Amino acid sequence: METRRGRGTVKVGVVTSDRMTRTVVVAVKRLVQHPLYKRFVKKTARFMAHDERGECRVGDTVEIVECRPMSARKRWRVARIVDRAVHVKEPVARAAADADSAP
């Protein structure tokens, strides 16, 4: 008899760290209404997610899915990369180059 598992909870967040091997830290933001003042407050939760292919970079927007425990703190895996972050290389400092050529 075949048993099907549910898909699990799906969250969308931004990668804040990719320094670990096959693991990324994803920050998921949400708005919560304050119980007394009725004003919306931003809450951020950080999840460690398994990145099997190592494709995620800092700033990427990813979709993570709940899964079995993979380590002591890792219970999520990256399902897909929703949006890639734009990484710009810093230009060579022109001020330093001009200072060297000045008499």
PDB file of N, CA and C in Angstrom:
ATOM      1  N   MET A   1       0.841  -1.180   0.000  1.00  0.00           N
ATOM      2  CA  MET A   1       0.000   0.000   0.000  1.00  0.00           C
ATOM      3  C   MET A   1       0.884   1.240   0.000  1.00  0.00           C
ATOM      4  N   GLU A   2       0.606   2.140  -0.927  1.00  0.00           N
ATOM      5  CA  GLU A   2       1.415   3.353  -1.069  1.00  0.00           C
ATOM      6  C   GLU A   2       0.797   4.488  -0.269  1.00  0.00           C
ATOM      7  N   THR A   3       1.614   5.161   0.514  1.00  0.00           N
ATOM      8  CA  THR A   3       1.116   6.311   1.271  1.00  0.00           C
ATOM      9  C   THR A   3       1.739   7.571   0.704  1.00  0.00           C
ATOM     10  N   ARG A   4       0.923   8.580   0.509  1.00  0.00           N
ATOM     11  CA  ARG A   4       1.409   9.854  -0.016  1.00  0.00           C
ATOM     12  C   ARG A   4       1.554  10.839   1.124  1.00  0.00           C
ATOM     13  N   ARG A   5       2.654  11.543   1.104  1.00  0.00           N
ATOM     14  CA  ARG A   5       2.870  12.558   2.114  1.00  0.00           C
ATOM     15  C   ARG A   5       2.355  13.891   1.601  1.00  0.00           C
ATOM     16  N   GLY A   6       1.994  14.760   2.550  1.00  0.00           N
ATOM     17  CA  GLY A   6       1.554  16.091   2.171  1.00  0.00           C
ATOM     18  C   GLY A   6       2.719  16.923   1.674  1.00  0.00           C
ATOM     19  N   ARG A   7       2.410  18.011   1.023  1.00  0.00           N
ATOM     20  CA  ARG A   7       3.468  18.854   0.462  1.00  0.00           C
ATOM     21  C   ARG A   7       4.230  19.594   1.542  1.00  0.00           C
ATOM     22  N   GLY A   8       3.598  19.902   2.650  1.00  0.00           N
ATOM     23  CA  GLY A   8       4.275  20.634   3.710  1.00  0.00           C
ATOM     24  C   GLY A   8       4.102  22.126   3.535  1.00  0.00           C
ATOM     25  N   THR A   9       4.553  22.872   4.504  1.00  0.00           N
ATOM     26  CA  THR A   9       4.433  24.315   4.475  1.00  0.00           C
ATOM     27  C   THR A   9       5.423  24.902   3.481  1.00  0.00           C
ATOM     28  N   VAL A  10       4.971  25.891   2.725  1.00  0.00           N
ATOM     29  CA  VAL A  10       5.809  26.564   1.741  1.00  0.00           C
ATOM     30  C   VAL A  10       5.968  28.018   2.167  1.00  0.00           C
ATOM     31  N   LYS A  11       7.211  28.514   2.183  1.00  0.00           N
ATOM     32  CA  LYS A  11       7.476  29.906   2.532  1.00  0.00           C
ATOM     33  C   LYS A  11       8.396  30.514   1.484  1.00  0.00           C
ATOM     34  N   VAL A  12       8.304  31.838   1.321  1.00  0.00           N
ATOM     35  CA  VAL A  12       9.160  32.557   0.377  1.00  0.00           C
ATOM     36  C   VAL A  12       9.968  33.574   1.168  1.00  0.00           C
ATOM     37  N   GLY A  13      11.280  33.592   0.941  1.00  0.00           N
ATOM     38  CA  GLY A  13      12.143  34.520   1.664  1.00  0.00           C
ATOM     39  C   GLY A  13      13.400  34.844   0.880  1.00  0.00           C
ATOM     40  N   VAL A  14      14.272  35.604   1.512  1.00  0.00           N
ATOM     41  CA  VAL A  14      15.512  36.068   0.885  1.00  0.00           C
ATOM     42  C   VAL A  14      16.698  35.389   1.556  1.00  0.00           C
ATOM     43  N   VAL A  15      17.648  34.918   0.757  1.00  0.00           N
ATOM     44  CA  VAL A  15      18.850  34.268   1.283  1.00  0.00           C
ATOM     45  C   VAL A  15      19.741  35.334   1.923  1.00  0.00           C
ATOM     46  N   THR A  16      20.087  35.136   3.195  1.00  0.00           N
ATOM     47  CA  THR A  16      20.940  36.086   3.898  1.00  0.00           C
ATOM     48  C   THR A  16      22.357  35.559   4.115  1.00  0.00           C
ATOM     49  N   SER A  17      22.547  34.250   4.005  1.00  0.00           N
ATOM     50  CA  SER A  17      23.875  33.676   4.169  1.00  0.00           C
ATOM     51  C   SER A  17      23.985  32.396   3.349  1.00  0.00           C
ATOM     52  N   ASP A  18      25.126  32.240   2.660  1.00  0.00           N
ATOM     53  CA  ASP A  18      25.368  31.012   1.888  1.00  0.00           C
ATOM     54  C   ASP A  18      26.764  30.464   2.173  1.00  0.00           C
ATOM     55  N   ARG A  19      27.289  30.721   3.363  1.00  0.00           N
ATOM     56  CA  ARG A  19      28.659  30.357   3.695  1.00  0.00           C
ATOM     57  C   ARG A  19      28.834  28.889   4.083  1.00  0.00           C
ATOM     58  N   MET A  20      27.751  28.186   4.356  1.00  0.00           N
ATOM     59  CA  MET A  20      27.860  26.787   4.746  1.00  0.00           C
ATOM     60  C   MET A  20      27.730  25.883   3.525  1.00  0.00           C
ATOM     61  N   THR A  21      28.250  24.686   3.619  1.00  0.00           N
ATOM     62  CA  THR A  21      28.168  23.737   2.516  1.00  0.00           C
ATOM     63  C   THR A  21      26.753  23.201   2.389  1.00  0.00           C
ATOM     64  N   ARG A  22      26.144  23.403   1.235  1.00  0.00           N
ATOM     65  CA  ARG A  22      24.778  22.940   0.920  1.00  0.00           C
ATOM     66  C   ARG A  22      23.720  23.422   1.909  1.00  0.00           C
ATOM     67  N   THR A  23      23.969  24.535   2.554  1.00  0.00           N
ATOM     68  CA  THR A  23      23.000  25.112   3.491  1.00  0.00           C
ATOM     69  C   THR A  23      22.949  26.614   3.289  1.00  0.00           C
ATOM     70  N   VAL A  24      21.729  27.158   3.275  1.00  0.00           N
ATOM     71  CA  VAL A  24      21.555  28.610   3.192  1.00  0.00           C
ATOM     72  C   VAL A  24      20.649  29.049   4.331  1.00  0.00           C
ATOM     73  N   VAL A  25      20.805  30.306   4.745  1.00  0.00           N
ATOM     74  CA  VAL A  25      19.933  30.886   5.750  1.00  0.00           C
ATOM     75  C   VAL A  25      18.958  31.788   5.015  1.00  0.00           C
ATOM     76  N   VAL A  26      17.658  31.554   5.227  1.00  0.00           N
ATOM     77  CA  VAL A  26      16.617  32.298   4.529  1.00  0.00           C
ATOM     78  C   VAL A  26      15.828  33.114   5.546  1.00  0.00           C
ATOM     79  N   ALA A  27      15.682  34.412   5.275  1.00  0.00           N
ATOM     80  CA  ALA A  27      14.890  35.302   6.131  1.00  0.00           C
ATOM     81  C   ALA A  27      13.508  35.446   5.516  1.00  0.00           C
ATOM     82  N   VAL A  28      12.486  35.076   6.290  1.00  0.00           N
ATOM     83  CA  VAL A  28      11.092  35.175   5.836  1.00  0.00           C
ATOM     84  C   VAL A  28      10.432  36.289   6.629  1.00  0.00           C
ATOM     85  N   LYS A  29       9.907  37.279   5.904  1.00  0.00           N
ATOM     86  CA  LYS A  29       9.268  38.425   6.557  1.00  0.00           C
ATOM     87  C   LYS A  29       7.758  38.288   6.465  1.00  0.00           C
ATOM     88  N   ARG A  30       7.069  38.771   7.521  1.00  0.00           N
ATOM     89  CA  ARG A  30       5.610  38.752   7.525  1.00  0.00           C
ATOM     90  C   ARG A  30       5.105  39.939   8.332  1.00  0.00           C
ATOM     91  N   LEU A  31       3.863  40.323   8.099  1.00  0.00           N
ATOM     92  CA  LEU A  31       3.234  41.411   8.837  1.00  0.00           C
ATOM     93  C   LEU A  31       2.254  40.818   9.838  1.00  0.00           C
ATOM     94  N   VAL A  32       2.336  41.284  11.077  1.00  0.00           N
ATOM     95  CA  VAL A  32       1.456  40.809  12.140  1.00  0.00           C
ATOM     96  C   VAL A  32       0.794  42.023  12.773  1.00  0.00           C
ATOM     97  N   GLN A  33      -0.497  41.919  13.002  1.00  0.00           N
ATOM     98  CA  GLN A  33      -1.202  43.029  13.631  1.00  0.00           C
ATOM     99  C   GLN A  33      -1.005  42.979  15.148  1.00  0.00           C
ATOM    100  N   HIS A  34      -0.628  44.118  15.717  1.00  0.00           N
ATOM    101  CA  HIS A  34      -0.428  44.204  17.161  1.00  0.00           C
ATOM    102  C   HIS A  34      -1.773  44.017  17.849  1.00  0.00           C
ATOM    103  N   PRO A  35      -1.844  43.170  18.884  1.00  0.00           N
ATOM    104  CA  PRO A  35      -3.139  42.863  19.504  1.00  0.00           C
ATOM    105  C   PRO A  35      -3.812  44.057  20.183  1.00  0.00           C
ATOM    106  N   LEU A  36      -3.038  44.971  20.732  1.00  0.00           N
ATOM    107  CA  LEU A  36      -3.622  46.108  21.439  1.00  0.00           C
ATOM    108  C   LEU A  36      -3.753  47.337  20.547  1.00  0.00           C
ATOM    109  N   TYR A  37      -2.684  47.672  19.835  1.00  0.00           N
ATOM    110  CA  TYR A  37      -2.658  48.925  19.085  1.00  0.00           C
ATOM    111  C   TYR A  37      -3.151  48.798  17.647  1.00  0.00           C
ATOM    112  N   LYS A  38      -3.376  47.567  17.176  1.00  0.00           N
ATOM    113  CA  LYS A  38      -3.917  47.283  15.844  1.00  0.00           C
ATOM    114  C   LYS A  38      -3.040  47.802  14.708  1.00  0.00           C
ATOM    115  N   ARG A  39      -1.791  48.073  15.002  1.00  0.00           N
ATOM    116  CA  ARG A  39      -0.869  48.519  13.973  1.00  0.00           C
ATOM    117  C   ARG A  39      -0.080  47.302  13.476  1.00  0.00           C
ATOM    118  N   PHE A  40       0.258  47.285  12.188  1.00  0.00           N
ATOM    119  CA  PHE A  40       0.978  46.154  11.635  1.00  0.00           C
ATOM    120  C   PHE A  40       2.469  46.284  11.928  1.00  0.00           C
ATOM    121  N   VAL A  41       3.048  45.190  12.401  1.00  0.00           N
ATOM    122  CA  VAL A  41       4.459  45.137  12.784  1.00  0.00           C
ATOM    123  C   VAL A  41       5.142  44.091  11.905  1.00  0.00           C
ATOM    124  N   LYS A  42       6.357  44.410  11.432  1.00  0.00           N
ATOM    125  CA  LYS A  42       7.114  43.464  10.625  1.00  0.00           C
ATOM    126  C   LYS A  42       7.822  42.463  11.526  1.00  0.00           C
ATOM    127  N   LYS A  43       7.681  41.191  11.211  1.00  0.00           N
ATOM    128  CA  LYS A  43       8.365  40.120  11.939  1.00  0.00           C
ATOM    129  C   LYS A  43       9.237  39.362  10.942  1.00  0.00           C
ATOM    130  N   THR A  44      10.439  38.996  11.368  1.00  0.00           N
ATOM    131  CA  THR A  44      11.347  38.247  10.513  1.00  0.00           C
ATOM    132  C   THR A  44      11.724  36.952  11.201  1.00  0.00           C
ATOM    133  N   ALA A  45      11.614  35.858  10.472  1.00  0.00           N
ATOM    134  CA  ALA A  45      12.029  34.543  10.971  1.00  0.00           C
ATOM    135  C   ALA A  45      13.151  34.036  10.072  1.00  0.00           C
ATOM    136  N   ARG A  46      14.173  33.442  10.672  1.00  0.00           N
ATOM    137  CA  ARG A  46      15.300  32.914   9.907  1.00  0.00           C
ATOM    138  C   ARG A  46      15.259  31.395   9.925  1.00  0.00           C
ATOM    139  N   PHE A  47      15.350  30.790   8.749  1.00  0.00           N
ATOM    140  CA  PHE A  47      15.316  29.338   8.605  1.00  0.00           C
ATOM    141  C   PHE A  47      16.580  28.877   7.909  1.00  0.00           C
ATOM    142  N   MET A  48      17.123  27.750   8.372  1.00  0.00           N
ATOM    143  CA  MET A  48      18.237  27.110   7.677  1.00  0.00           C
ATOM    144  C   MET A  48      17.627  26.106   6.705  1.00  0.00           C
ATOM    145  N   ALA A  49      18.014  26.218   5.431  1.00  0.00           N
ATOM    146  CA  ALA A  49      17.426  25.374   4.395  1.00  0.00           C
ATOM    147  C   ALA A  49      18.519  24.624   3.644  1.00  0.00           C
ATOM    148  N   HIS A  50      18.190  23.425   3.194  1.00  0.00           N
ATOM    149  CA  HIS A  50      19.130  22.575   2.456  1.00  0.00           C
ATOM    150  C   HIS A  50      19.119  22.973   0.985  1.00  0.00           C
ATOM    151  N   ASP A  51      20.299  23.301   0.455  1.00  0.00           N
ATOM    152  CA  ASP A  51      20.474  23.670  -0.951  1.00  0.00           C
ATOM    153  C   ASP A  51      21.356  22.607  -1.591  1.00  0.00           C
ATOM    154  N   GLU A  52      20.734  21.584  -2.157  1.00  0.00           N
ATOM    155  CA  GLU A  52      21.457  20.417  -2.647  1.00  0.00           C
ATOM    156  C   GLU A  52      22.481  20.768  -3.722  1.00  0.00           C
ATOM    157  N   ARG A  53      22.118  21.633  -4.666  1.00  0.00           N
ATOM    158  CA  ARG A  53      23.014  21.953  -5.774  1.00  0.00           C
ATOM    159  C   ARG A  53      23.963  23.110  -5.477  1.00  0.00           C
ATOM    160  N   GLY A  54      23.738  23.823  -4.393  1.00  0.00           N
ATOM    161  CA  GLY A  54      24.599  24.943  -4.049  1.00  0.00           C
ATOM    162  C   GLY A  54      24.452  26.124  -4.983  1.00  0.00           C
ATOM    163  N   GLU A  55      23.255  26.340  -5.528  1.00  0.00           N
ATOM    164  CA  GLU A  55      23.016  27.397  -6.516  1.00  0.00           C
ATOM    165  C   GLU A  55      22.662  28.740  -5.894  1.00  0.00           C
ATOM    166  N   CYS A  56      22.160  28.750  -4.678  1.00  0.00           N
ATOM    167  CA  CYS A  56      21.658  29.986  -4.066  1.00  0.00           C
ATOM    168  C   CYS A  56      22.801  30.903  -3.665  1.00  0.00           C
ATOM    169  N   ARG A  57      22.588  32.203  -3.859  1.00  0.00           N
ATOM    170  CA  ARG A  57      23.537  33.232  -3.465  1.00  0.00           C
ATOM    171  C   ARG A  57      22.822  34.239  -2.574  1.00  0.00           C
ATOM    172  N   VAL A  58      23.579  35.037  -1.853  1.00  0.00           N
ATOM    173  CA  VAL A  58      23.000  36.042  -0.959  1.00  0.00           C
ATOM    174  C   VAL A  58      22.172  37.021  -1.791  1.00  0.00           C
ATOM    175  N   GLY A  59      20.957  37.296  -1.331  1.00  0.00           N
ATOM    176  CA  GLY A  59      20.071  38.224  -2.023  1.00  0.00           C
ATOM    177  C   GLY A  59      19.037  37.550  -2.899  1.00  0.00           C
ATOM    178  N   ASP A  60      19.210  36.265  -3.213  1.00  0.00           N
ATOM    179  CA  ASP A  60      18.235  35.549  -4.033  1.00  0.00           C
ATOM    180  C   ASP A  60      16.933  35.356  -3.266  1.00  0.00           C
ATOM    181  N   THR A  61      15.817  35.469  -3.961  1.00  0.00           N
ATOM    182  CA  THR A  61      14.523  35.158  -3.380  1.00  0.00           C
ATOM    183  C   THR A  61      14.230  33.693  -3.685  1.00  0.00           C
ATOM    184  N   VAL A  62      13.981  32.900  -2.641  1.00  0.00           N
ATOM    185  CA  VAL A  62      13.786  31.461  -2.819  1.00  0.00           C
ATOM    186  C   VAL A  62      12.491  31.006  -2.158  1.00  0.00           C
ATOM    187  N   GLU A  63      12.028  29.860  -2.620  1.00  0.00           N
ATOM    188  CA  GLU A  63      10.861  29.213  -2.026  1.00  0.00           C
ATOM    189  C   GLU A  63      11.369  27.991  -1.270  1.00  0.00           C
ATOM    190  N   ILE A  64      11.041  27.911   0.029  1.00  0.00           N
ATOM    191  CA  ILE A  64      11.488  26.772   0.826  1.00  0.00           C
ATOM    192  C   ILE A  64      10.279  25.935   1.242  1.00  0.00           C
ATOM    193  N   VAL A  65      10.511  24.638   1.369  1.00  0.00           N
ATOM    194  CA  VAL A  65       9.448  23.681   1.692  1.00  0.00           C
ATOM    195  C   VAL A  65       9.860  22.906   2.936  1.00  0.00           C
ATOM    196  N   GLU A  66       8.911  22.686   3.814  1.00  0.00           N
ATOM    197  CA  GLU A  66       9.159  21.921   5.032  1.00  0.00           C
ATOM    198  C   GLU A  66       9.469  20.471   4.658  1.00  0.00           C
ATOM    199  N   CYS A  67      10.441  19.870   5.361  1.00  0.00           N
ATOM    200  CA  CYS A  67      10.814  18.484   5.073  1.00  0.00           C
ATOM    201  C   CYS A  67      11.275  17.801   6.359  1.00  0.00           C
ATOM    202  N   ARG A  68      11.790  16.618   6.221  1.00  0.00           N
ATOM    203  CA  ARG A  68      12.275  15.871   7.383  1.00  0.00           C
ATOM    204  C   ARG A  68      13.488  16.571   7.980  1.00  0.00           C
ATOM    205  N   PRO A  69      13.796  16.326   9.246  1.00  0.00           N
ATOM    206  CA  PRO A  69      14.988  16.939   9.835  1.00  0.00           C
ATOM    207  C   PRO A  69      16.261  16.436   9.156  1.00  0.00           C
ATOM    208  N   MET A  70      17.078  17.366   8.691  1.00  0.00           N
ATOM    209  CA  MET A  70      18.333  17.012   8.034  1.00  0.00           C
ATOM    210  C   MET A  70      19.523  17.202   8.970  1.00  0.00           C
ATOM    211  N   SER A  71      19.351  18.029   9.990  1.00  0.00           N
ATOM    212  CA  SER A  71      20.371  18.211  11.016  1.00  0.00           C
ATOM    213  C   SER A  71      19.666  18.762  12.249  1.00  0.00           C
ATOM    214  N   ALA A  72      20.446  19.222  13.205  1.00  0.00           N
ATOM    215  CA  ALA A  72      19.855  19.703  14.450  1.00  0.00           C
ATOM    216  C   ALA A  72      18.977  20.937  14.229  1.00  0.00           C
ATOM    217  N   ARG A  73      19.323  21.786  13.255  1.00  0.00           N
ATOM    218  CA  ARG A  73      18.578  23.026  13.046  1.00  0.00           C
ATOM    219  C   ARG A  73      17.982  23.155  11.653  1.00  0.00           C
ATOM    220  N   LYS A  74      18.174  22.161  10.791  1.00  0.00           N
ATOM    221  CA  LYS A  74      17.756  22.273   9.390  1.00  0.00           C
ATOM    222  C   LYS A  74      16.569  21.362   9.103  1.00  0.00           C
ATOM    223  N   ARG A  75      15.395  21.982   8.868  1.00  0.00           N
ATOM    224  CA  ARG A  75      14.176  21.234   8.586  1.00  0.00           C
ATOM    225  C   ARG A  75      13.468  21.735   7.342  1.00  0.00           C
ATOM    226  N   TRP A  76      14.175  22.468   6.509  1.00  0.00           N
ATOM    227  CA  TRP A  76      13.608  23.041   5.291  1.00  0.00           C
ATOM    228  C   TRP A  76      14.545  22.748   4.136  1.00  0.00           C
ATOM    229  N   ARG A  77      14.012  22.730   2.912  1.00  0.00           N
ATOM    230  CA  ARG A  77      14.857  22.597   1.726  1.00  0.00           C
ATOM    231  C   ARG A  77      14.410  23.605   0.677  1.00  0.00           C
ATOM    232  N   VAL A  78      15.334  24.021  -0.153  1.00  0.00           N
ATOM    233  CA  VAL A  78      15.041  24.993  -1.197  1.00  0.00           C
ATOM    234  C   VAL A  78      14.310  24.277  -2.315  1.00  0.00           C
ATOM    235  N   ALA A  79      13.078  24.728  -2.609  1.00  0.00           N
ATOM    236  CA  ALA A  79      12.294  24.126  -3.680  1.00  0.00           C
ATOM    237  C   ALA A  79      12.672  24.733  -5.027  1.00  0.00           C
ATOM    238  N   ARG A  80      12.774  26.070  -5.075  1.00  0.00           N
ATOM    239  CA  ARG A  80      13.153  26.731  -6.325  1.00  0.00           C
ATOM    240  C   ARG A  80      13.634  28.137  -6.021  1.00  0.00           C
ATOM    241  N   ILE A  81      14.369  28.692  -6.974  1.00  0.00           N
ATOM    242  CA  ILE A  81      14.811  30.076  -6.876  1.00  0.00           C
ATOM    243  C   ILE A  81      13.805  30.922  -7.628  1.00  0.00           C
ATOM    244  N   VAL A  82      13.111  31.796  -6.900  1.00  0.00           N
ATOM    245  CA  VAL A  82      12.071  32.624  -7.497  1.00  0.00           C
ATOM    246  C   VAL A  82      12.686  33.762  -8.297  1.00  0.00           C
ATOM    247  N   ASP A  83      13.696  34.433  -7.716  1.00  0.00           N
ATOM    248  CA  ASP A  83      14.297  35.588  -8.363  1.00  0.00           C
ATOM    249  C   ASP A  83      15.772  35.654  -7.986  1.00  0.00           C
ATOM    250  N   ARG A  84      16.610  35.892  -8.975  1.00  0.00           N
ATOM    251  CA  ARG A  84      18.047  36.019  -8.739  1.00  0.00           C
ATOM    252  C   ARG A  84      18.394  37.437  -8.337  1.00  0.00           C
ATOM    253  N   ALA A  85      19.349  37.573  -7.425  1.00  0.00           N
ATOM    254  CA  ALA A  85      19.833  38.891  -7.025  1.00  0.00           C
ATOM    255  C   ALA A  85      20.821  39.388  -8.076  1.00  0.00           C
ATOM    256  N   VAL A  86      20.868  40.699  -8.250  1.00  0.00           N
ATOM    257  CA  VAL A  86      21.814  41.291  -9.181  1.00  0.00           C
ATOM    258  C   VAL A  86      23.098  41.585  -8.426  1.00  0.00           C
ATOM    259  N   HIS A  87      24.187  40.947  -8.848  1.00  0.00           N
ATOM    260  CA  HIS A  87      25.484  41.152  -8.215  1.00  0.00           C
ATOM    261  C   HIS A  87      26.322  42.024  -9.130  1.00  0.00           C
ATOM    262  N   VAL A  88      26.774  43.164  -8.607  1.00  0.00           N
ATOM    263  CA  VAL A  88      27.562  44.114  -9.380  1.00  0.00           C
ATOM    264  C   VAL A  88      28.977  44.133  -8.825  1.00  0.00           C
ATOM    265  N   LYS A  89      29.947  43.997  -9.709  1.00  0.00           N
ATOM    266  CA  LYS A  89      31.338  44.096  -9.279  1.00  0.00           C
ATOM    267  C   LYS A  89      31.657  45.561  -9.038  1.00  0.00           C
ATOM    268  N   GLU A  90      32.411  45.830  -7.987  1.00  0.00           N
ATOM    269  CA  GLU A  90      32.751  47.209  -7.681  1.00  0.00           C
ATOM    270  C   GLU A  90      33.804  47.702  -8.654  1.00  0.00           C
ATOM    271  N   PRO A  91      33.635  48.909  -9.206  1.00  0.00           N
ATOM    272  CA  PRO A  91      34.623  49.429 -10.156  1.00  0.00           C
ATOM    273  C   PRO A  91      35.924  49.790  -9.444  1.00  0.00           C
ATOM    274  N   VAL A  92      36.989  49.842 -10.202  1.00  0.00           N
ATOM    275  CA  VAL A  92      38.289  50.213  -9.657  1.00  0.00           C
ATOM    276  C   VAL A  92      38.202  51.662  -9.213  1.00  0.00           C
ATOM    277  N   ALA A  93      38.751  51.954  -8.062  1.00  0.00           N
ATOM    278  CA  ALA A  93      38.667  53.301  -7.507  1.00  0.00           C
ATOM    279  C   ALA A  93      39.439  54.274  -8.402  1.00  0.00           C
ATOM    280  N   ARG A  94      38.706  55.209  -9.011  1.00  0.00           N
ATOM    281  CA  ARG A  94      39.342  56.178  -9.903  1.00  0.00           C
ATOM    282  C   ARG A  94      40.135  57.202  -9.099  1.00  0.00           C
ATOM    283  N   ALA A  95      39.698  57.502  -7.890  1.00  0.00           N
ATOM    284  CA  ALA A  95      40.397  58.493  -7.079  1.00  0.00           C
ATOM    285  C   ALA A  95      41.817  58.030  -6.761  1.00  0.00           C
ATOM    286  N   ALA A  96      41.987  56.752  -6.498  1.00  0.00           N
ATOM    287  CA  ALA A  96      43.314  56.217  -6.195  1.00  0.00           C
ATOM    288  C   ALA A  96      44.203  56.273  -7.434  1.00  0.00           C
ATOM    289  N   ALA A  97      43.638  55.984  -8.597  1.00  0.00           N
ATOM    290  CA  ALA A  97      44.414  56.030  -9.823  1.00  0.00           C
ATOM    291  C   ALA A  97      44.803  57.460 -10.174  1.00  0.00           C
ATOM    292  N   ASP A  98      43.910  58.420  -9.958  1.00  0.00           N
ATOM    293  CA  ASP A  98      44.202  59.828 -10.235  1.00  0.00           C
ATOM    294  C   ASP A  98      45.259  60.377  -9.279  1.00  0.00           C
ATOM    295  N   ALA A  99      45.240  59.934  -8.041  1.00  0.00           N
ATOM    296  CA  ALA A  99      46.197  60.421  -7.038  1.00  0.00           C
ATOM    297  C   ALA A  99      47.611  59.968  -7.381  1.00  0.00           C
ATOM    298  N   ASP A 100      47.750  58.784  -7.979  1.00  0.00           N
ATOM    299  CA  ASP A 100      49.064  58.281  -8.342  1.00  0.00           C
ATOM    300  C   ASP A 100      49.664  59.052  -9.517  1.00  0.00           C
ATOM    301  N   SER A 101      48.828  59.516 -10.428  1.00  0.00           N
ATOM    302  CA  SER A 101      49.328  60.201 -11.614  1.00  0.00           C
ATOM    303  C   SER A 101      49.499  61.702 -11.420  1.00  0.00           C
ATOM    304  N   ALA A 102      48.991  62.256 -10.336  1.00  0.00           N
ATOM    305  CA  ALA A 102      49.112  63.700 -10.079  1.00  0.00           C
ATOM    306  C   ALA A 102      50.534  64.050  -9.676  1.00  0.00           C
ATOM    307  N   PRO A 103      51.049  65.252 -10.151  1.00  0.00           N
ATOM    308  CA  PRO A 103      52.427  65.641  -9.805  1.00  0.00           C
ATOM    309  C   PRO A 103      52.590  66.068  -8.374  1.00  0.00           C
TER     310      PRO A 103
END
